[in-house]
């Protein structure tokens, strides 16, 4: 858990900033949430939006951490690279959608930046696992030396 504290802290900061930015939706977008898209009402309250982003990033951190420990080193790095490019594609398609869909275009740049931070957080998770040292269990007769850092 000590190893993950810096990345969790960084994700919490990114999530808080994302929540604040998404809550600063403009008047037209706010009216759209109030009248039509009531399921997105939580985005108007900064800590609820930030908490949603943080939970999603923690789920991704957990899944990618399990993949990183269960797979062989080369396969794990390749998987993290694939997930990094999926997050990069998600960032691109979100940007493209915000630029070309009228209803998304009018919600405001701050809201857009808040959504982009989710994708950046996911890319940070992938980079963290690509460049961090892996901890694997070593099966041996010695009970004192049951972990080894690669």
N, C-alpha and C. Protein backbone atom coordinates (compact mmCIF):
# COMPACT_ATOMS: atom_id res chain seq x y z
N UNK A 1 0.82 -1.19 0.00
CA UNK A 1 0.00 0.00 0.00
C UNK A 1 0.86 1.25 0.00
N UNK A 2 2.04 1.18 0.63
CA UNK A 2 2.93 2.33 0.66
C UNK A 2 3.34 2.74 -0.75
N UNK A 3 3.56 1.74 -1.59
CA UNK A 3 3.98 2.02 -2.96
C UNK A 3 2.92 2.78 -3.73
N UNK A 4 1.66 2.54 -3.42
CA UNK A 4 0.57 3.15 -4.17
C UNK A 4 0.15 4.52 -3.63
N UNK A 5 0.63 4.90 -2.45
CA UNK A 5 0.19 6.16 -1.87
C UNK A 5 0.44 7.37 -2.78
N UNK A 6 1.62 7.53 -3.39
CA UNK A 6 1.82 8.71 -4.25
C UNK A 6 0.87 8.75 -5.45
N UNK A 7 0.63 7.61 -6.08
CA UNK A 7 -0.26 7.60 -7.25
C UNK A 7 -1.70 7.84 -6.82
N UNK A 8 -2.11 7.29 -5.68
CA UNK A 8 -3.47 7.53 -5.18
C UNK A 8 -3.65 9.00 -4.83
N UNK A 9 -2.63 9.61 -4.21
CA UNK A 9 -2.70 11.03 -3.89
C UNK A 9 -2.80 11.87 -5.15
N UNK A 10 -2.01 11.54 -6.18
CA UNK A 10 -2.07 12.27 -7.45
C UNK A 10 -3.45 12.11 -8.09
N UNK A 11 -4.00 10.91 -8.07
CA UNK A 11 -5.34 10.67 -8.63
C UNK A 11 -6.41 11.42 -7.85
N UNK A 12 -6.25 11.52 -6.54
CA UNK A 12 -7.21 12.27 -5.72
C UNK A 12 -7.17 13.75 -6.08
N UNK A 13 -5.97 14.29 -6.29
CA UNK A 13 -5.84 15.70 -6.66
C UNK A 13 -6.44 15.94 -8.04
N UNK A 14 -6.12 15.07 -9.01
CA UNK A 14 -6.70 15.19 -10.35
C UNK A 14 -8.23 15.09 -10.30
N UNK A 15 -8.74 14.19 -9.48
CA UNK A 15 -10.19 14.01 -9.37
C UNK A 15 -10.86 15.24 -8.75
N UNK A 16 -10.23 15.81 -7.74
CA UNK A 16 -10.79 17.01 -7.11
C UNK A 16 -10.83 18.17 -8.10
N UNK A 17 -9.74 18.35 -8.84
CA UNK A 17 -9.70 19.41 -9.85
C UNK A 17 -10.75 19.14 -10.93
N UNK A 18 -10.86 17.89 -11.34
CA UNK A 18 -11.86 17.51 -12.34
C UNK A 18 -13.26 17.80 -11.84
N UNK A 19 -13.54 17.46 -10.59
CA UNK A 19 -14.86 17.71 -10.01
C UNK A 19 -15.19 19.19 -9.97
N UNK A 20 -14.21 20.01 -9.59
CA UNK A 20 -14.43 21.46 -9.55
C UNK A 20 -14.69 22.01 -10.95
N UNK A 21 -13.89 21.57 -11.91
CA UNK A 21 -14.06 22.07 -13.28
C UNK A 21 -15.39 21.62 -13.89
N UNK A 22 -15.78 20.38 -13.65
CA UNK A 22 -17.05 19.91 -14.20
C UNK A 22 -18.25 20.59 -13.54
N UNK A 23 -18.09 21.01 -12.28
CA UNK A 23 -19.21 21.68 -11.61
C UNK A 23 -19.40 23.11 -12.10
N UNK A 24 -18.39 23.65 -12.78
CA UNK A 24 -18.48 25.01 -13.30
C UNK A 24 -19.07 25.03 -14.71
N UNK A 25 -20.06 24.20 -14.90
CA UNK A 25 -20.75 24.13 -16.18
C UNK A 25 -21.50 25.45 -16.39
N UNK A 26 -21.62 25.90 -17.62
CA UNK A 26 -22.28 27.19 -17.87
C UNK A 26 -23.79 27.09 -17.68
N UNK A 27 -24.48 28.21 -17.80
CA UNK A 27 -25.91 28.28 -17.51
C UNK A 27 -26.73 27.38 -18.42
N UNK A 28 -26.40 27.37 -19.71
CA UNK A 28 -27.17 26.55 -20.65
C UNK A 28 -27.01 25.06 -20.33
N UNK A 29 -25.78 24.65 -20.07
CA UNK A 29 -25.54 23.26 -19.70
C UNK A 29 -26.20 22.89 -18.39
N UNK A 30 -26.18 23.82 -17.45
CA UNK A 30 -26.83 23.59 -16.17
C UNK A 30 -28.34 23.42 -16.33
N UNK A 31 -28.93 24.22 -17.18
CA UNK A 31 -30.37 24.08 -17.44
C UNK A 31 -30.68 22.75 -18.14
N UNK A 32 -29.78 22.33 -19.03
CA UNK A 32 -29.98 21.03 -19.69
C UNK A 32 -29.95 19.88 -18.70
N UNK A 33 -29.05 19.96 -17.72
CA UNK A 33 -28.99 18.92 -16.69
C UNK A 33 -30.24 18.98 -15.81
N UNK A 34 -30.67 20.18 -15.49
CA UNK A 34 -31.82 20.34 -14.61
C UNK A 34 -33.12 19.88 -15.27
N UNK A 35 -33.26 20.15 -16.59
CA UNK A 35 -34.52 19.84 -17.28
C UNK A 35 -34.54 18.47 -17.95
N UNK A 36 -33.46 18.10 -18.61
CA UNK A 36 -33.49 16.91 -19.46
C UNK A 36 -32.66 15.76 -18.89
N UNK A 37 -31.41 16.02 -18.60
CA UNK A 37 -30.47 14.97 -18.18
C UNK A 37 -30.30 14.97 -16.67
N UNK A 38 -31.34 14.59 -15.95
CA UNK A 38 -31.31 14.63 -14.49
C UNK A 38 -30.34 13.62 -13.90
N UNK A 39 -29.99 12.58 -14.66
CA UNK A 39 -29.04 11.57 -14.17
C UNK A 39 -27.63 12.13 -14.01
N UNK A 40 -27.37 13.30 -14.59
CA UNK A 40 -26.05 13.93 -14.48
C UNK A 40 -26.04 15.07 -13.46
N UNK A 41 -27.05 15.13 -12.62
CA UNK A 41 -27.13 16.20 -11.63
C UNK A 41 -25.94 16.20 -10.68
N UNK A 42 -25.37 15.04 -10.41
CA UNK A 42 -24.24 14.95 -9.50
C UNK A 42 -23.02 15.72 -10.02
N UNK A 43 -22.94 15.96 -11.33
CA UNK A 43 -21.80 16.70 -11.88
C UNK A 43 -21.83 18.18 -11.50
N UNK A 44 -22.98 18.68 -11.09
CA UNK A 44 -23.08 20.08 -10.70
C UNK A 44 -22.55 20.33 -9.29
N UNK A 45 -22.35 19.29 -8.51
CA UNK A 45 -21.80 19.39 -7.16
C UNK A 45 -20.37 18.88 -7.22
N UNK A 46 -19.41 19.75 -6.93
CA UNK A 46 -18.00 19.45 -7.24
C UNK A 46 -17.50 18.18 -6.58
N UNK A 47 -17.85 17.96 -5.32
CA UNK A 47 -17.28 16.80 -4.64
C UNK A 47 -17.92 15.50 -5.11
N UNK A 48 -19.16 15.54 -5.58
CA UNK A 48 -19.78 14.33 -6.09
C UNK A 48 -19.18 13.94 -7.44
N UNK A 49 -18.97 14.94 -8.31
CA UNK A 49 -18.32 14.66 -9.59
C UNK A 49 -16.89 14.18 -9.40
N UNK A 50 -16.17 14.83 -8.48
CA UNK A 50 -14.80 14.42 -8.19
C UNK A 50 -14.74 13.03 -7.60
N UNK A 51 -15.70 12.71 -6.73
CA UNK A 51 -15.74 11.37 -6.14
C UNK A 51 -16.03 10.31 -7.19
N UNK A 52 -16.91 10.61 -8.13
CA UNK A 52 -17.21 9.67 -9.22
C UNK A 52 -15.96 9.41 -10.06
N UNK A 53 -15.23 10.46 -10.38
CA UNK A 53 -14.00 10.31 -11.15
C UNK A 53 -12.97 9.52 -10.34
N UNK A 54 -12.84 9.84 -9.06
CA UNK A 54 -11.86 9.16 -8.20
C UNK A 54 -12.17 7.67 -8.08
N UNK A 55 -13.44 7.32 -7.90
CA UNK A 55 -13.82 5.90 -7.80
C UNK A 55 -13.51 5.18 -9.11
N UNK A 56 -13.83 5.81 -10.23
CA UNK A 56 -13.54 5.19 -11.53
C UNK A 56 -12.04 4.98 -11.70
N UNK A 57 -11.24 5.97 -11.31
CA UNK A 57 -9.79 5.83 -11.44
C UNK A 57 -9.23 4.78 -10.48
N UNK A 58 -9.81 4.66 -9.27
CA UNK A 58 -9.37 3.61 -8.35
C UNK A 58 -9.71 2.22 -8.87
N UNK A 59 -10.86 2.08 -9.52
CA UNK A 59 -11.21 0.79 -10.12
C UNK A 59 -10.20 0.44 -11.22
N UNK A 60 -9.86 1.43 -12.05
CA UNK A 60 -8.86 1.19 -13.10
C UNK A 60 -7.50 0.87 -12.49
N UNK A 61 -7.12 1.57 -11.43
CA UNK A 61 -5.84 1.31 -10.75
C UNK A 61 -5.81 -0.11 -10.21
N UNK A 62 -6.90 -0.57 -9.64
CA UNK A 62 -6.97 -1.92 -9.09
C UNK A 62 -6.90 -2.97 -10.19
N UNK A 63 -7.67 -2.79 -11.24
CA UNK A 63 -7.67 -3.76 -12.34
C UNK A 63 -6.30 -3.82 -12.99
N UNK A 64 -5.71 -2.67 -13.25
CA UNK A 64 -4.40 -2.66 -13.89
C UNK A 64 -3.32 -3.19 -12.96
N UNK A 65 -3.47 -2.99 -11.66
CA UNK A 65 -2.53 -3.55 -10.70
C UNK A 65 -2.60 -5.07 -10.67
N UNK A 66 -3.82 -5.61 -10.73
CA UNK A 66 -3.97 -7.07 -10.77
C UNK A 66 -3.36 -7.63 -12.05
N UNK A 67 -3.64 -6.97 -13.18
CA UNK A 67 -3.04 -7.41 -14.44
C UNK A 67 -1.52 -7.36 -14.37
N UNK A 68 -1.00 -6.32 -13.75
CA UNK A 68 0.45 -6.14 -13.68
C UNK A 68 1.12 -7.23 -12.85
N UNK A 69 0.45 -7.74 -11.82
CA UNK A 69 1.06 -8.77 -10.99
C UNK A 69 0.81 -10.18 -11.53
N UNK A 70 -0.30 -10.40 -12.21
CA UNK A 70 -0.65 -11.75 -12.67
C UNK A 70 0.03 -12.12 -13.99
N UNK A 71 0.32 -11.13 -14.81
CA UNK A 71 0.91 -11.41 -16.12
C UNK A 71 2.43 -11.36 -16.05
N UNK A 72 3.07 -12.01 -17.02
CA UNK A 72 4.52 -11.94 -17.13
C UNK A 72 4.93 -10.49 -17.41
N UNK A 73 6.16 -10.14 -17.08
CA UNK A 73 6.60 -8.75 -17.15
C UNK A 73 6.40 -8.14 -18.54
N UNK A 74 6.84 -8.82 -19.57
CA UNK A 74 6.70 -8.29 -20.94
C UNK A 74 5.25 -8.14 -21.36
N UNK A 75 4.44 -9.13 -21.02
CA UNK A 75 3.02 -9.08 -21.37
C UNK A 75 2.33 -7.97 -20.58
N UNK A 76 2.71 -7.80 -19.32
CA UNK A 76 2.10 -6.75 -18.49
C UNK A 76 2.42 -5.36 -19.04
N UNK A 77 3.66 -5.16 -19.45
CA UNK A 77 4.03 -3.86 -20.02
C UNK A 77 3.28 -3.62 -21.32
N UNK A 78 3.15 -4.65 -22.14
CA UNK A 78 2.40 -4.53 -23.39
C UNK A 78 0.93 -4.22 -23.11
N UNK A 79 0.34 -4.85 -22.09
CA UNK A 79 -1.04 -4.59 -21.72
C UNK A 79 -1.21 -3.15 -21.24
N UNK A 80 -0.26 -2.67 -20.44
CA UNK A 80 -0.33 -1.28 -19.98
C UNK A 80 -0.20 -0.31 -21.15
N UNK A 81 0.60 -0.65 -22.12
CA UNK A 81 0.76 0.19 -23.31
C UNK A 81 -0.54 0.23 -24.11
N UNK A 82 -1.19 -0.93 -24.24
CA UNK A 82 -2.48 -0.98 -24.94
C UNK A 82 -3.52 -0.14 -24.20
N UNK A 83 -3.56 -0.26 -22.87
CA UNK A 83 -4.51 0.52 -22.08
C UNK A 83 -4.20 2.02 -22.15
N UNK A 84 -2.92 2.36 -22.23
CA UNK A 84 -2.54 3.77 -22.39
C UNK A 84 -3.09 4.32 -23.70
N UNK A 85 -2.96 3.55 -24.78
CA UNK A 85 -3.46 4.01 -26.06
C UNK A 85 -5.00 4.01 -26.12
N UNK A 86 -5.64 3.13 -25.37
CA UNK A 86 -7.10 3.20 -25.28
C UNK A 86 -7.52 4.49 -24.58
N UNK A 87 -6.82 4.86 -23.51
CA UNK A 87 -7.11 6.12 -22.82
C UNK A 87 -6.82 7.31 -23.72
N UNK A 88 -5.75 7.25 -24.49
CA UNK A 88 -5.42 8.32 -25.42
C UNK A 88 -6.50 8.45 -26.50
N UNK A 89 -6.99 7.31 -26.99
CA UNK A 89 -8.09 7.34 -27.96
C UNK A 89 -9.35 7.91 -27.33
N UNK A 90 -9.62 7.55 -26.08
CA UNK A 90 -10.78 8.11 -25.38
C UNK A 90 -10.67 9.62 -25.24
N UNK A 91 -9.47 10.11 -24.95
CA UNK A 91 -9.24 11.56 -24.87
C UNK A 91 -9.50 12.22 -26.23
N UNK A 92 -8.99 11.60 -27.29
CA UNK A 92 -9.19 12.16 -28.63
C UNK A 92 -10.67 12.18 -29.01
N UNK A 93 -11.38 11.07 -28.79
CA UNK A 93 -12.79 11.02 -29.17
C UNK A 93 -13.64 11.95 -28.31
N UNK A 94 -13.26 12.11 -27.05
CA UNK A 94 -13.98 13.07 -26.21
C UNK A 94 -13.75 14.49 -26.72
N UNK A 95 -12.50 14.82 -27.05
CA UNK A 95 -12.19 16.13 -27.60
C UNK A 95 -12.97 16.36 -28.89
N UNK A 96 -12.96 15.36 -29.76
CA UNK A 96 -13.67 15.46 -31.04
C UNK A 96 -15.17 15.66 -30.82
N UNK A 97 -15.74 14.92 -29.87
CA UNK A 97 -17.16 15.05 -29.57
C UNK A 97 -17.48 16.44 -29.03
N UNK A 98 -16.64 16.95 -28.14
CA UNK A 98 -16.87 18.28 -27.58
C UNK A 98 -16.73 19.39 -28.61
N UNK A 99 -16.00 19.14 -29.67
CA UNK A 99 -15.81 20.15 -30.71
C UNK A 99 -16.89 20.11 -31.78
N UNK A 100 -17.51 18.94 -32.01
CA UNK A 100 -18.42 18.81 -33.13
C UNK A 100 -19.88 18.58 -32.76
N UNK A 101 -20.18 18.16 -31.55
CA UNK A 101 -21.56 17.97 -31.11
C UNK A 101 -22.02 19.27 -30.45
N UNK A 102 -23.07 19.87 -30.99
CA UNK A 102 -23.51 21.19 -30.53
C UNK A 102 -23.87 21.20 -29.06
N UNK A 103 -24.60 20.18 -28.61
CA UNK A 103 -25.03 20.18 -27.21
C UNK A 103 -23.85 20.05 -26.25
N UNK A 104 -22.80 19.35 -26.67
CA UNK A 104 -21.61 19.23 -25.83
C UNK A 104 -20.71 20.45 -25.96
N UNK A 105 -20.77 21.09 -27.10
CA UNK A 105 -19.93 22.26 -27.33
C UNK A 105 -20.33 23.43 -26.42
N UNK A 106 -21.62 23.55 -26.14
CA UNK A 106 -22.09 24.73 -25.42
C UNK A 106 -21.97 24.63 -23.90
N UNK A 107 -21.55 23.49 -23.35
CA UNK A 107 -21.46 23.37 -21.90
C UNK A 107 -20.28 24.13 -21.31
N UNK A 108 -19.30 24.48 -22.11
CA UNK A 108 -18.20 25.31 -21.63
C UNK A 108 -16.87 24.58 -21.54
N UNK A 109 -15.81 25.36 -21.67
CA UNK A 109 -14.45 24.81 -21.68
C UNK A 109 -14.04 24.22 -20.34
N UNK A 110 -14.47 24.83 -19.24
CA UNK A 110 -14.08 24.29 -17.93
C UNK A 110 -14.62 22.88 -17.74
N UNK A 111 -15.85 22.66 -18.15
CA UNK A 111 -16.43 21.33 -18.07
C UNK A 111 -15.61 20.36 -18.92
N UNK A 112 -15.24 20.79 -20.11
CA UNK A 112 -14.43 19.95 -21.00
C UNK A 112 -13.11 19.58 -20.33
N UNK A 113 -12.44 20.56 -19.73
CA UNK A 113 -11.16 20.29 -19.08
C UNK A 113 -11.32 19.28 -17.94
N UNK A 114 -12.41 19.37 -17.21
CA UNK A 114 -12.67 18.41 -16.14
C UNK A 114 -12.81 16.99 -16.66
N UNK A 115 -13.47 16.84 -17.79
CA UNK A 115 -13.62 15.50 -18.38
C UNK A 115 -12.28 15.01 -18.93
N UNK A 116 -11.51 15.91 -19.53
CA UNK A 116 -10.19 15.52 -20.04
C UNK A 116 -9.28 15.00 -18.93
N UNK A 117 -9.42 15.54 -17.73
CA UNK A 117 -8.58 15.10 -16.61
C UNK A 117 -8.81 13.65 -16.24
N UNK A 118 -10.02 13.14 -16.47
CA UNK A 118 -10.25 11.71 -16.24
C UNK A 118 -9.33 10.88 -17.13
N UNK A 119 -9.29 11.23 -18.41
CA UNK A 119 -8.46 10.47 -19.36
C UNK A 119 -6.97 10.61 -19.02
N UNK A 120 -6.57 11.80 -18.61
CA UNK A 120 -5.18 12.02 -18.19
C UNK A 120 -4.86 11.15 -16.98
N UNK A 121 -5.79 11.06 -16.04
CA UNK A 121 -5.58 10.20 -14.87
C UNK A 121 -5.40 8.74 -15.26
N UNK A 122 -6.18 8.28 -16.22
CA UNK A 122 -6.03 6.90 -16.67
C UNK A 122 -4.68 6.69 -17.34
N UNK A 123 -4.24 7.67 -18.12
CA UNK A 123 -2.92 7.54 -18.75
C UNK A 123 -1.81 7.53 -17.70
N UNK A 124 -1.97 8.31 -16.63
CA UNK A 124 -0.99 8.32 -15.55
C UNK A 124 -0.91 6.95 -14.89
N UNK A 125 -2.05 6.30 -14.69
CA UNK A 125 -2.06 4.95 -14.11
C UNK A 125 -1.27 3.99 -15.00
N UNK A 126 -1.51 4.04 -16.30
CA UNK A 126 -0.80 3.14 -17.21
C UNK A 126 0.70 3.42 -17.19
N UNK A 127 1.08 4.68 -17.20
CA UNK A 127 2.50 5.04 -17.14
C UNK A 127 3.13 4.60 -15.82
N UNK A 128 2.39 4.72 -14.74
CA UNK A 128 2.89 4.29 -13.44
C UNK A 128 3.23 2.81 -13.46
N UNK A 129 2.33 1.99 -13.97
CA UNK A 129 2.58 0.55 -13.98
C UNK A 129 3.62 0.16 -15.03
N UNK A 130 3.75 0.93 -16.10
CA UNK A 130 4.77 0.61 -17.09
C UNK A 130 6.17 0.83 -16.55
N UNK A 131 6.33 1.86 -15.71
CA UNK A 131 7.68 2.24 -15.27
C UNK A 131 7.96 1.93 -13.80
N UNK A 132 7.02 1.32 -13.09
CA UNK A 132 7.28 0.99 -11.69
C UNK A 132 7.91 -0.39 -11.60
N UNK A 133 8.61 -0.61 -10.50
CA UNK A 133 9.20 -1.93 -10.27
C UNK A 133 8.10 -2.87 -9.81
N UNK A 134 8.14 -4.07 -10.32
CA UNK A 134 7.12 -5.06 -9.99
C UNK A 134 7.52 -5.85 -8.76
N UNK A 135 6.54 -6.21 -7.97
CA UNK A 135 6.77 -7.06 -6.81
C UNK A 135 6.10 -8.40 -7.08
N UNK A 136 6.89 -9.45 -7.06
CA UNK A 136 6.35 -10.78 -7.30
C UNK A 136 6.70 -11.70 -6.14
N UNK A 137 5.91 -12.72 -5.96
CA UNK A 137 6.18 -13.70 -4.91
C UNK A 137 7.16 -14.73 -5.42
N UNK A 138 8.14 -15.04 -4.58
CA UNK A 138 9.12 -16.05 -4.92
C UNK A 138 8.86 -17.27 -4.05
N UNK A 139 8.68 -18.40 -4.69
CA UNK A 139 8.42 -19.63 -3.95
C UNK A 139 9.77 -20.22 -3.58
N UNK A 140 10.01 -20.30 -2.25
CA UNK A 140 11.28 -20.88 -1.79
C UNK A 140 11.06 -21.52 -0.43
N UNK A 141 12.09 -22.21 0.03
CA UNK A 141 12.01 -22.86 1.32
C UNK A 141 12.16 -21.85 2.46
N UNK A 142 12.80 -20.73 2.18
CA UNK A 142 12.99 -19.70 3.21
C UNK A 142 11.70 -18.93 3.40
N UNK A 143 11.21 -18.89 4.60
CA UNK A 143 10.00 -18.11 4.89
C UNK A 143 10.35 -16.64 5.05
N UNK A 144 11.63 -16.34 5.36
CA UNK A 144 12.05 -14.94 5.56
C UNK A 144 12.13 -14.18 4.25
N UNK A 145 12.45 -14.84 3.18
CA UNK A 145 12.62 -14.17 1.90
C UNK A 145 11.55 -14.62 0.93
N UNK A 146 10.30 -14.22 1.16
CA UNK A 146 9.22 -14.66 0.29
C UNK A 146 8.85 -13.62 -0.75
N UNK A 147 9.48 -12.45 -0.73
CA UNK A 147 9.22 -11.45 -1.78
C UNK A 147 10.53 -11.05 -2.42
N UNK A 148 10.42 -10.73 -3.67
CA UNK A 148 11.58 -10.30 -4.42
C UNK A 148 11.15 -9.17 -5.34
N UNK A 149 11.94 -8.13 -5.42
CA UNK A 149 11.64 -7.01 -6.31
C UNK A 149 12.42 -7.19 -7.59
N UNK A 150 11.74 -7.12 -8.71
CA UNK A 150 12.41 -7.24 -10.01
C UNK A 150 12.85 -5.90 -10.48
